[in-house]
PDB file of N, CA and C in Angstrom:
ATOM      1  N   MET A   1     -20.944 -16.312 -20.292  1.00  0.00           N
ATOM      2  CA  MET A   1     -19.589 -15.694 -19.877  1.00  0.00           C
ATOM      3  C   MET A   1     -19.660 -15.154 -18.496  1.00  0.00           C
ATOM      4  N   THR A   2     -18.795 -15.562 -17.592  1.00  0.00           N
ATOM      5  CA  THR A   2     -18.816 -14.929 -16.225  1.00  0.00           C
ATOM      6  C   THR A   2     -17.694 -14.052 -16.021  1.00  0.00           C
ATOM      7  N   SER A   3     -17.974 -12.995 -15.344  1.00  0.00           N
ATOM      8  CA  SER A   3     -16.756 -12.117 -15.076  1.00  0.00           C
ATOM      9  C   SER A   3     -16.079 -12.432 -13.854  1.00  0.00           C
ATOM     10  N   LYS A   4     -14.770 -12.173 -13.880  1.00  0.00           N
ATOM     11  CA  LYS A   4     -13.985 -12.485 -12.691  1.00  0.00           C
ATOM     12  C   LYS A   4     -14.141 -11.267 -11.575  1.00  0.00           C
ATOM     13  N   LYS A   5     -14.665 -11.740 -10.420  1.00  0.00           N
ATOM     14  CA  LYS A   5     -14.834 -10.730  -9.412  1.00  0.00           C
ATOM     15  C   LYS A   5     -13.467 -10.378  -8.714  1.00  0.00           C
ATOM     16  N   ARG A   6     -13.210  -9.090  -8.627  1.00  0.00           N
ATOM     17  CA  ARG A   6     -12.038  -8.606  -8.138  1.00  0.00           C
ATOM     18  C   ARG A   6     -12.147  -8.478  -6.709  1.00  0.00           C
ATOM     19  N   LYS A   7     -10.940  -8.880  -6.037  1.00  0.00           N
ATOM     20  CA  LYS A   7     -10.916  -8.795  -4.591  1.00  0.00           C
ATOM     21  C   LYS A   7     -10.438  -7.250  -4.307  1.00  0.00           C
ATOM     22  N   LYS A   8     -11.125  -6.661  -3.239  1.00  0.00           N
ATOM     23  CA  LYS A   8     -10.839  -5.248  -2.858  1.00  0.00           C
ATOM     24  C   LYS A   8      -9.749  -5.303  -1.705  1.00  0.00           C
ATOM     25  N   TYR A   9      -8.548  -4.916  -1.974  1.00  0.00           N
ATOM     26  CA  TYR A   9      -7.551  -4.844  -0.960  1.00  0.00           C
ATOM     27  C   TYR A   9      -7.563  -3.591  -0.229  1.00  0.00           C
ATOM     28  N   LYS A  10      -7.045  -3.674   1.031  1.00  0.00           N
ATOM     29  CA  LYS A  10      -6.915  -2.462   1.889  1.00  0.00           C
ATOM     30  C   LYS A  10      -5.434  -2.047   1.870  1.00  0.00           C
ATOM     31  N   LEU A  11      -5.091  -0.820   1.493  1.00  0.00           N
ATOM     32  CA  LEU A  11      -3.735  -0.327   1.514  1.00  0.00           C
ATOM     33  C   LEU A  11      -3.582   0.803   2.488  1.00  0.00           C
ATOM     34  N   LEU A  12      -2.341   0.902   2.990  1.00  0.00           N
ATOM     35  CA  LEU A  12      -1.913   1.953   3.786  1.00  0.00           C
ATOM     36  C   LEU A  12      -0.781   2.677   3.117  1.00  0.00           C
ATOM     37  N   LEU A  13      -0.907   3.888   2.628  1.00  0.00           N
ATOM     38  CA  LEU A  13       0.190   4.531   2.080  1.00  0.00           C
ATOM     39  C   LEU A  13       1.179   5.299   2.984  1.00  0.00           C
ATOM     40  N   ASP A  14       2.430   5.069   2.963  1.00  0.00           N
ATOM     41  CA  ASP A  14       3.331   5.770   4.015  1.00  0.00           C
ATOM     42  C   ASP A  14       3.301   7.186   3.650  1.00  0.00           C
ATOM     43  N   GLU A  15       3.871   7.961   4.561  1.00  0.00           N
ATOM     44  CA  GLU A  15       3.958   9.450   4.482  1.00  0.00           C
ATOM     45  C   GLU A  15       4.791   9.900   3.290  1.00  0.00           C
ATOM     46  N   GLY A  16       5.745   9.151   2.697  1.00  0.00           N
ATOM     47  CA  GLY A  16       6.504   9.619   1.691  1.00  0.00           C
ATOM     48  C   GLY A  16       5.784   9.644   0.353  1.00  0.00           C
ATOM     49  N   LEU A  17       4.626   9.000   0.356  1.00  0.00           N
ATOM     50  CA  LEU A  17       3.795   8.944  -0.932  1.00  0.00           C
ATOM     51  C   LEU A  17       2.731   9.849  -0.817  1.00  0.00           C
ATOM     52  N   PRO A  18       2.329  10.344  -2.063  1.00  0.00           N
ATOM     53  CA  PRO A  18       1.141  11.343  -2.151  1.00  0.00           C
ATOM     54  C   PRO A  18      -0.234  10.699  -1.685  1.00  0.00           C
ATOM     55  N   LEU A  19      -1.188  11.609  -1.592  1.00  0.00           N
ATOM     56  CA  LEU A  19      -2.485  11.244  -1.173  1.00  0.00           C
ATOM     57  C   LEU A  19      -3.118  10.213  -2.049  1.00  0.00           C
ATOM     58  N   PRO A  20      -4.121   9.501  -1.736  1.00  0.00           N
ATOM     59  CA  PRO A  20      -4.738   8.498  -2.665  1.00  0.00           C
ATOM     60  C   PRO A  20      -5.233   9.075  -3.979  1.00  0.00           C
ATOM     61  N   VAL A  21      -5.680  10.362  -3.987  1.00  0.00           N
ATOM     62  CA  VAL A  21      -6.207  10.922  -5.238  1.00  0.00           C
ATOM     63  C   VAL A  21      -5.171  10.931  -6.407  1.00  0.00           C
ATOM     64  N   SER A  22      -3.934  10.657  -5.993  1.00  0.00           N
ATOM     65  CA  SER A  22      -2.799  10.727  -7.013  1.00  0.00           C
ATOM     66  C   SER A  22      -2.780   9.300  -7.710  1.00  0.00           C
ATOM     67  N   PHE A  23      -3.515   8.438  -7.179  1.00  0.00           N
ATOM     68  CA  PHE A  23      -3.644   6.998  -7.691  1.00  0.00           C
ATOM     69  C   PHE A  23      -4.982   6.647  -8.097  1.00  0.00           C
ATOM     70  N   PRO A  24      -5.434   7.158  -9.196  1.00  0.00           N
ATOM     71  CA  PRO A  24      -6.893   7.006  -9.590  1.00  0.00           C
ATOM     72  C   PRO A  24      -7.296   5.485  -9.710  1.00  0.00           C
ATOM     73  N   THR A  25      -6.468   4.764 -10.351  1.00  0.00           N
ATOM     74  CA  THR A  25      -6.872   3.286 -10.711  1.00  0.00           C
ATOM     75  C   THR A  25      -6.955   2.592  -9.456  1.00  0.00           C
ATOM     76  N   ILE A  26      -6.038   2.542  -8.570  1.00  0.00           N
ATOM     77  CA  ILE A  26      -6.076   1.732  -7.264  1.00  0.00           C
ATOM     78  C   ILE A  26      -7.167   2.280  -6.350  1.00  0.00           C
ATOM     79  N   ASN A  27      -7.303   3.587  -6.496  1.00  0.00           N
ATOM     80  CA  ASN A  27      -8.302   4.268  -5.659  1.00  0.00           C
ATOM     81  C   ASN A  27      -9.654   3.882  -5.900  1.00  0.00           C
ATOM     82  N   ASP A  28      -9.942   3.655  -7.217  1.00  0.00           N
ATOM     83  CA  ASP A  28     -11.289   3.124  -7.608  1.00  0.00           C
ATOM     84  C   ASP A  28     -11.538   1.792  -7.244  1.00  0.00           C
ATOM     85  N   PHE A  29     -10.533   0.857  -7.207  1.00  0.00           N
ATOM     86  CA  PHE A  29     -10.702  -0.531  -6.955  1.00  0.00           C
ATOM     87  C   PHE A  29     -10.337  -1.051  -5.592  1.00  0.00           C
ATOM     88  N   HIS A  30      -9.647  -0.228  -4.842  1.00  0.00           N
ATOM     89  CA  HIS A  30      -9.350  -0.716  -3.495  1.00  0.00           C
ATOM     90  C   HIS A  30      -9.593   0.416  -2.419  1.00  0.00           C
ATOM     91  N   ASP A  31      -9.490  -0.046  -1.251  1.00  0.00           N
ATOM     92  CA  ASP A  31      -9.684   0.758  -0.023  1.00  0.00           C
ATOM     93  C   ASP A  31      -8.322   1.281   0.355  1.00  0.00           C
ATOM     94  N   ILE A  32      -8.049   2.581   0.123  1.00  0.00           N
ATOM     95  CA  ILE A  32      -6.800   3.276   0.415  1.00  0.00           C
ATOM     96  C   ILE A  32      -6.898   4.219   1.502  1.00  0.00           C
ATOM     97  N   SER A  33      -5.860   4.148   2.479  1.00  0.00           N
ATOM     98  CA  SER A  33      -5.741   5.128   3.454  1.00  0.00           C
ATOM     99  C   SER A  33      -4.370   5.585   3.460  1.00  0.00           C
ATOM    100  N   HIS A  34      -4.110   6.742   4.042  1.00  0.00           N
ATOM    101  CA  HIS A  34      -2.790   7.319   4.017  1.00  0.00           C
ATOM    102  C   HIS A  34      -2.488   7.845   5.379  1.00  0.00           C
ATOM    103  N   ILE A  35      -1.195   7.681   5.739  1.00  0.00           N
ATOM    104  CA  ILE A  35      -0.831   8.071   7.070  1.00  0.00           C
ATOM    105  C   ILE A  35      -1.162   9.462   7.561  1.00  0.00           C
ATOM    106  N   ALA A  36      -1.119  10.360   6.662  1.00  0.00           N
ATOM    107  CA  ALA A  36      -1.431  11.786   6.835  1.00  0.00           C
ATOM    108  C   ALA A  36      -3.003  11.904   7.071  1.00  0.00           C
ATOM    109  N   LEU A  37      -3.858  11.055   6.515  1.00  0.00           N
ATOM    110  CA  LEU A  37      -5.244  11.220   6.643  1.00  0.00           C
ATOM    111  C   LEU A  37      -5.734  10.652   7.943  1.00  0.00           C
ATOM    112  N   ILE A  38      -4.804   9.826   8.559  1.00  0.00           N
ATOM    113  CA  ILE A  38      -5.234   9.386   9.849  1.00  0.00           C
ATOM    114  C   ILE A  38      -4.428   9.958  10.960  1.00  0.00           C
ATOM    115  N   LYS A  39      -3.836  11.110  10.540  1.00  0.00           N
ATOM    116  CA  LYS A  39      -3.104  11.956  11.541  1.00  0.00           C
ATOM    117  C   LYS A  39      -2.022  11.223  12.352  1.00  0.00           C
ATOM    118  N   LYS A  40      -1.160  10.500  11.528  1.00  0.00           N
ATOM    119  CA  LYS A  40      -0.119   9.672  12.122  1.00  0.00           C
ATOM    120  C   LYS A  40       1.237  10.093  11.554  1.00  0.00           C
ATOM    121  N   ARG A  41       1.452  11.237  11.021  1.00  0.00           N
ATOM    122  CA  ARG A  41       2.742  11.646  10.452  1.00  0.00           C
ATOM    123  C   ARG A  41       3.860  11.500  11.388  1.00  0.00           C
ATOM    124  N   GLY A  42       5.007  11.100  10.976  1.00  0.00           N
ATOM    125  CA  GLY A  42       6.259  11.140  11.865  1.00  0.00           C
ATOM    126  C   GLY A  42       6.341   9.828  12.645  1.00  0.00           C
ATOM    127  N   ILE A  43       5.440   8.842  12.402  1.00  0.00           N
ATOM    128  CA  ILE A  43       5.622   7.645  13.259  1.00  0.00           C
ATOM    129  C   ILE A  43       6.723   6.686  12.705  1.00  0.00           C
ATOM    130  N   SER A  44       7.205   5.787  13.472  1.00  0.00           N
ATOM    131  CA  SER A  44       8.326   4.921  13.062  1.00  0.00           C
ATOM    132  C   SER A  44       7.751   3.947  12.024  1.00  0.00           C
ATOM    133  N   ASP A  45       8.653   3.352  11.248  1.00  0.00           N
ATOM    134  CA  ASP A  45       8.295   2.318  10.346  1.00  0.00           C
ATOM    135  C   ASP A  45       7.606   1.148  11.097  1.00  0.00           C
ATOM    136  N   GLN A  46       8.140   0.716  12.116  1.00  0.00           N
ATOM    137  CA  GLN A  46       7.572  -0.399  13.090  1.00  0.00           C
ATOM    138  C   GLN A  46       6.114  -0.120  13.334  1.00  0.00           C
ATOM    139  N   VAL A  47       5.780   1.207  13.640  1.00  0.00           N
ATOM    140  CA  VAL A  47       4.424   1.545  14.065  1.00  0.00           C
ATOM    141  C   VAL A  47       3.562   1.537  12.799  1.00  0.00           C
ATOM    142  N   VAL A  48       4.053   1.992  11.662  1.00  0.00           N
ATOM    143  CA  VAL A  48       3.333   1.967  10.444  1.00  0.00           C
ATOM    144  C   VAL A  48       2.972   0.509  10.126  1.00  0.00           C
ATOM    145  N   TYR A  49       4.009  -0.295  10.111  1.00  0.00           N
ATOM    146  CA  TYR A  49       3.668  -1.754   9.848  1.00  0.00           C
ATOM    147  C   TYR A  49       2.744  -2.348  10.776  1.00  0.00           C
ATOM    148  N   ASP A  50       2.846  -2.105  12.141  1.00  0.00           N
ATOM    149  CA  ASP A  50       1.945  -2.672  13.022  1.00  0.00           C
ATOM    150  C   ASP A  50       0.500  -2.068  12.845  1.00  0.00           C
ATOM    151  N   LEU A  51       0.407  -0.829  12.568  1.00  0.00           N
ATOM    152  CA  LEU A  51      -0.879  -0.254  12.221  1.00  0.00           C
ATOM    153  C   LEU A  51      -1.611  -0.982  11.112  1.00  0.00           C
ATOM    154  N   ALA A  52      -0.768  -1.105  10.016  1.00  0.00           N
ATOM    155  CA  ALA A  52      -1.282  -1.716   8.825  1.00  0.00           C
ATOM    156  C   ALA A  52      -1.655  -3.204   9.072  1.00  0.00           C
ATOM    157  N   ASN A  53      -0.936  -3.960   9.842  1.00  0.00           N
ATOM    158  CA  ASN A  53      -1.152  -5.256  10.234  1.00  0.00           C
ATOM    159  C   ASN A  53      -2.533  -5.385  11.085  1.00  0.00           C
ATOM    160  N   ASN A  54      -2.598  -4.520  12.061  1.00  0.00           N
ATOM    161  CA  ASN A  54      -3.738  -4.491  12.899  1.00  0.00           C
ATOM    162  C   ASN A  54      -5.053  -4.179  12.115  1.00  0.00           C
ATOM    163  N   GLU A  55      -5.016  -3.400  11.037  1.00  0.00           N
ATOM    164  CA  GLU A  55      -6.021  -3.133  10.165  1.00  0.00           C
ATOM    165  C   GLU A  55      -6.307  -3.918   9.017  1.00  0.00           C
ATOM    166  N   GLY A  56      -5.401  -4.963   8.789  1.00  0.00           N
ATOM    167  CA  GLY A  56      -5.443  -5.739   7.761  1.00  0.00           C
ATOM    168  C   GLY A  56      -5.119  -4.997   6.459  1.00  0.00           C
ATOM    169  N   ARG A  57      -4.292  -4.108   6.459  1.00  0.00           N
ATOM    170  CA  ARG A  57      -3.915  -3.190   5.264  1.00  0.00           C
ATOM    171  C   ARG A  57      -2.558  -3.640   4.767  1.00  0.00           C
ATOM    172  N   ILE A  58      -2.193  -3.441   3.551  1.00  0.00           N
ATOM    173  CA  ILE A  58      -0.976  -3.635   2.993  1.00  0.00           C
ATOM    174  C   ILE A  58      -0.227  -2.308   2.885  1.00  0.00           C
ATOM    175  N   PRO A  59       0.864  -2.231   3.584  1.00  0.00           N
ATOM    176  CA  PRO A  59       1.615  -0.875   3.577  1.00  0.00           C
ATOM    177  C   PRO A  59       2.203  -0.735   2.211  1.00  0.00           C
ATOM    178  N   VAL A  60       2.223   0.427   1.569  1.00  0.00           N
ATOM    179  CA  VAL A  60       2.876   0.744   0.411  1.00  0.00           C
ATOM    180  C   VAL A  60       3.829   1.888   0.858  1.00  0.00           C
ATOM    181  N   VAL A  61       5.207   1.568   0.617  1.00  0.00           N
ATOM    182  CA  VAL A  61       6.260   2.322   1.187  1.00  0.00           C
ATOM    183  C   VAL A  61       7.208   2.620  -0.015  1.00  0.00           C
ATOM    184  N   LEU A  62       8.189   3.572   0.323  1.00  0.00           N
ATOM    185  CA  LEU A  62       9.265   3.897  -0.563  1.00  0.00           C
ATOM    186  C   LEU A  62      10.570   3.342  -0.065  1.00  0.00           C
ATOM    187  N   ASN A  63      10.761   3.268   1.331  1.00  0.00           N
ATOM    188  CA  ASN A  63      12.022   2.872   1.985  1.00  0.00           C
ATOM    189  C   ASN A  63      12.038   1.361   2.040  1.00  0.00           C
ATOM    190  N   THR A  64      12.375   0.651   1.041  1.00  0.00           N
ATOM    191  CA  THR A  64      12.340  -0.854   1.146  1.00  0.00           C
ATOM    192  C   THR A  64      13.243  -1.369   2.263  1.00  0.00           C
ATOM    193  N   LYS A  65      14.457  -0.950   2.255  1.00  0.00           N
ATOM    194  CA  LYS A  65      15.372  -1.559   3.186  1.00  0.00           C
ATOM    195  C   LYS A  65      14.884  -1.484   4.643  1.00  0.00           C
ATOM    196  N   ASP A  66      14.181  -0.380   5.038  1.00  0.00           N
ATOM    197  CA  ASP A  66      13.640  -0.239   6.319  1.00  0.00           C
ATOM    198  C   ASP A  66      12.604  -1.174   6.711  1.00  0.00           C
ATOM    199  N   PHE A  67      11.828  -1.484   5.747  1.00  0.00           N
ATOM    200  CA  PHE A  67      10.641  -2.422   5.913  1.00  0.00           C
ATOM    201  C   PHE A  67      10.978  -3.956   5.882  1.00  0.00           C
ATOM    202  N   LYS A  68      11.959  -4.209   5.154  1.00  0.00           N
ATOM    203  CA  LYS A  68      12.385  -5.673   4.907  1.00  0.00           C
ATOM    204  C   LYS A  68      12.474  -6.408   6.179  1.00  0.00           C
ATOM    205  N   SER A  69      13.082  -5.855   7.174  1.00  0.00           N
ATOM    206  CA  SER A  69      13.213  -6.688   8.367  1.00  0.00           C
ATOM    207  C   SER A  69      11.982  -6.709   9.343  1.00  0.00           C
ATOM    208  N   LEU A  70      11.009  -5.984   8.924  1.00  0.00           N
ATOM    209  CA  LEU A  70       9.767  -5.978   9.722  1.00  0.00           C
ATOM    210  C   LEU A  70       8.749  -7.012   9.286  1.00  0.00           C
ATOM    211  N   ILE A  71       8.936  -7.452   8.156  1.00  0.00           N
ATOM    212  CA  ILE A  71       7.825  -8.356   7.458  1.00  0.00           C
ATOM    213  C   ILE A  71       8.008  -9.686   8.178  1.00  0.00           C
ATOM    214  N   LYS A  72       6.799 -10.127   8.604  1.00  0.00           N
ATOM    215  CA  LYS A  72       6.710 -11.436   9.330  1.00  0.00           C
ATOM    216  C   LYS A  72       5.837 -12.443   8.411  1.00  0.00           C
ATOM    217  N   VAL A  73       6.107 -13.696   8.648  1.00  0.00           N
ATOM    218  CA  VAL A  73       5.431 -14.772   7.840  1.00  0.00           C
ATOM    219  C   VAL A  73       3.921 -14.686   7.939  1.00  0.00           C
ATOM    220  N   ASP A  74       3.629 -14.545   9.200  1.00  0.00           N
ATOM    221  CA  ASP A  74       2.130 -14.482   9.553  1.00  0.00           C
ATOM    222  C   ASP A  74       1.346 -13.165   9.521  1.00  0.00           C
ATOM    223  N   ALA A  75       2.006 -12.210   8.931  1.00  0.00           N
ATOM    224  CA  ALA A  75       1.397 -10.829   8.907  1.00  0.00           C
ATOM    225  C   ALA A  75       1.344 -10.283   7.542  1.00  0.00           C
ATOM    226  N   VAL A  76       0.882  -9.110   7.354  1.00  0.00           N
ATOM    227  CA  VAL A  76       0.764  -8.514   6.027  1.00  0.00           C
ATOM    228  C   VAL A  76       2.015  -8.369   5.360  1.00  0.00           C
ATOM    229  N   SER A  77       2.040  -8.391   4.093  1.00  0.00           N
ATOM    230  CA  SER A  77       3.366  -8.129   3.309  1.00  0.00           C
ATOM    231  C   SER A  77       3.392  -6.653   3.053  1.00  0.00           C
ATOM    232  N   VAL A  78       4.351  -6.176   2.233  1.00  0.00           N
ATOM    233  CA  VAL A  78       4.571  -4.751   2.046  1.00  0.00           C
ATOM    234  C   VAL A  78       4.802  -4.577   0.507  1.00  0.00           C
ATOM    235  N   ILE A  79       4.188  -3.575  -0.047  1.00  0.00           N
ATOM    236  CA  ILE A  79       4.531  -3.184  -1.460  1.00  0.00           C
ATOM    237  C   ILE A  79       5.413  -2.067  -1.329  1.00  0.00           C
ATOM    238  N   CYS A  80       6.593  -2.270  -2.044  1.00  0.00           N
ATOM    239  CA  CYS A  80       7.762  -1.311  -2.043  1.00  0.00           C
ATOM    240  C   CYS A  80       7.955  -0.757  -3.326  1.00  0.00           C
ATOM    241  N   LEU A  81       8.000   0.672  -3.311  1.00  0.00           N
ATOM    242  CA  LEU A  81       8.130   1.261  -4.600  1.00  0.00           C
ATOM    243  C   LEU A  81       9.535   2.042  -4.655  1.00  0.00           C
ATOM    244  N   SER A  82       9.971   2.085  -5.974  1.00  0.00           N
ATOM    245  CA  SER A  82      11.165   2.881  -6.131  1.00  0.00           C
ATOM    246  C   SER A  82      10.836   4.448  -5.971  1.00  0.00           C
ATOM    247  N   SER A  83      11.758   5.218  -5.410  1.00  0.00           N
ATOM    248  CA  SER A  83      11.462   6.565  -5.261  1.00  0.00           C
ATOM    249  C   SER A  83      11.500   7.314  -6.593  1.00  0.00           C
ATOM    250  N   ASN A  84      12.070   6.601  -7.740  1.00  0.00           N
ATOM    251  CA  ASN A  84      12.135   7.267  -8.991  1.00  0.00           C
ATOM    252  C   ASN A  84      10.797   6.991  -9.793  1.00  0.00           C
ATOM    253  N   ILE A  85       9.910   6.283  -9.381  1.00  0.00           N
ATOM    254  CA  ILE A  85       8.704   5.940 -10.158  1.00  0.00           C
ATOM    255  C   ILE A  85       7.720   7.104 -10.055  1.00  0.00           C
ATOM    256  N   THR A  86       7.124   7.263 -11.251  1.00  0.00           N
ATOM    257  CA  THR A  86       5.974   8.375 -11.223  1.00  0.00           C
ATOM    258  C   THR A  86       4.736   7.793 -10.596  1.00  0.00           C
ATOM    259  N   ASN A  87       3.899   8.807 -10.148  1.00  0.00           N
ATOM    260  CA  ASN A  87       2.664   8.338  -9.597  1.00  0.00           C
ATOM    261  C   ASN A  87       1.837   7.520 -10.596  1.00  0.00           C
ATOM    262  N   LYS A  88       1.737   7.908 -11.785  1.00  0.00           N
ATOM    263  CA  LYS A  88       1.080   7.155 -12.866  1.00  0.00           C
ATOM    264  C   LYS A  88       1.559   5.641 -12.944  1.00  0.00           C
ATOM    265  N   ASN A  89       2.883   5.562 -13.093  1.00  0.00           N
ATOM    266  CA  ASN A  89       3.411   4.277 -13.089  1.00  0.00           C
ATOM    267  C   ASN A  89       3.161   3.364 -11.900  1.00  0.00           C
ATOM    268  N   ALA A  90       3.342   4.030 -10.730  1.00  0.00           N
ATOM    269  CA  ALA A  90       3.114   3.308  -9.363  1.00  0.00           C
ATOM    270  C   ALA A  90       1.700   2.875  -9.434  1.00  0.00           C
ATOM    271  N   ASP A  91       0.761   3.647  -9.878  1.00  0.00           N
ATOM    272  CA  ASP A  91      -0.714   3.378  -9.854  1.00  0.00           C
ATOM    273  C   ASP A  91      -0.934   2.162 -10.590  1.00  0.00           C
ATOM    274  N   LEU A  92      -0.326   2.104 -11.846  1.00  0.00           N
ATOM    275  CA  LEU A  92      -0.553   0.942 -12.669  1.00  0.00           C
ATOM    276  C   LEU A  92       0.149  -0.374 -12.243  1.00  0.00           C
ATOM    277  N   LYS A  93       1.380  -0.185 -11.689  1.00  0.00           N
ATOM    278  CA  LYS A  93       2.101  -1.285 -11.077  1.00  0.00           C
ATOM    279  C   LYS A  93       1.452  -1.908  -9.930  1.00  0.00           C
ATOM    280  N   ILE A  94       0.828  -1.072  -9.043  1.00  0.00           N
ATOM    281  CA  ILE A  94       0.200  -1.533  -7.766  1.00  0.00           C
ATOM    282  C   ILE A  94      -1.012  -2.294  -8.282  1.00  0.00           C
ATOM    283  N   HIS A  95      -1.763  -1.621  -9.109  1.00  0.00           N
ATOM    284  CA  HIS A  95      -2.975  -2.229  -9.654  1.00  0.00           C
ATOM    285  C   HIS A  95      -2.715  -3.587 -10.196  1.00  0.00           C
ATOM    286  N   LYS A  96      -1.703  -3.761 -11.119  1.00  0.00           N
ATOM    287  CA  LYS A  96      -1.449  -4.910 -11.721  1.00  0.00           C
ATOM    288  C   LYS A  96      -1.012  -5.991 -10.731  1.00  0.00           C
ATOM    289  N   THR A  97      -0.175  -5.633  -9.694  1.00  0.00           N
ATOM    290  CA  THR A  97       0.182  -6.612  -8.713  1.00  0.00           C
ATOM    291  C   THR A  97      -0.953  -7.188  -7.971  1.00  0.00           C
ATOM    292  N   LEU A  98      -1.908  -6.262  -7.466  1.00  0.00           N
ATOM    293  CA  LEU A  98      -2.933  -6.660  -6.689  1.00  0.00           C
ATOM    294  C   LEU A  98      -3.884  -7.592  -7.366  1.00  0.00           C
ATOM    295  N   ASN A  99      -4.041  -7.288  -8.798  1.00  0.00           N
ATOM    296  CA  ASN A  99      -4.910  -8.136  -9.711  1.00  0.00           C
ATOM    297  C   ASN A  99      -4.440  -9.523  -9.760  1.00  0.00           C
ATOM    298  N   ASN A 100      -3.133  -9.669  -9.707  1.00  0.00           N
ATOM    299  CA  ASN A 100      -2.429 -10.939  -9.895  1.00  0.00           C
ATOM    300  C   ASN A 100      -2.354 -11.813  -8.586  1.00  0.00           C
ATOM    301  N   LEU A 101      -2.740 -11.129  -7.466  1.00  0.00           N
ATOM    302  CA  LEU A 101      -2.742 -11.830  -6.146  1.00  0.00           C
ATOM    303  C   LEU A 101      -3.948 -12.807  -6.036  1.00  0.00           C
ATOM    304  N   ASN A 102      -3.978 -13.958  -5.380  1.00  0.00           N
ATOM    305  CA  ASN A 102      -4.976 -14.781  -5.174  1.00  0.00           C
ATOM    306  C   ASN A 102      -6.055 -14.243  -4.338  1.00  0.00           C
TER     307      ASN A 102
END
């Protein structure tokens, strides 16, 4: 029996989200950075998206409508979360989504 090797994704949490320690499951399986940890608080959504794209990271954001127009076909996608979701549920949903990607 062979085990399925998981791909390790690189994520960038926007400043509206808590630090990576609040997401233990995805923190264990993926490479997570946070805008606050790279001292980039207060930057525009475009700069967040460009930074994520340059680093090959998937931005994880709360403000879906602001990022929708930024997404390009040949660039990274965006994981958008509801502002009503708990950290625990966000952790599980992001983990499940990433596991289902090719």
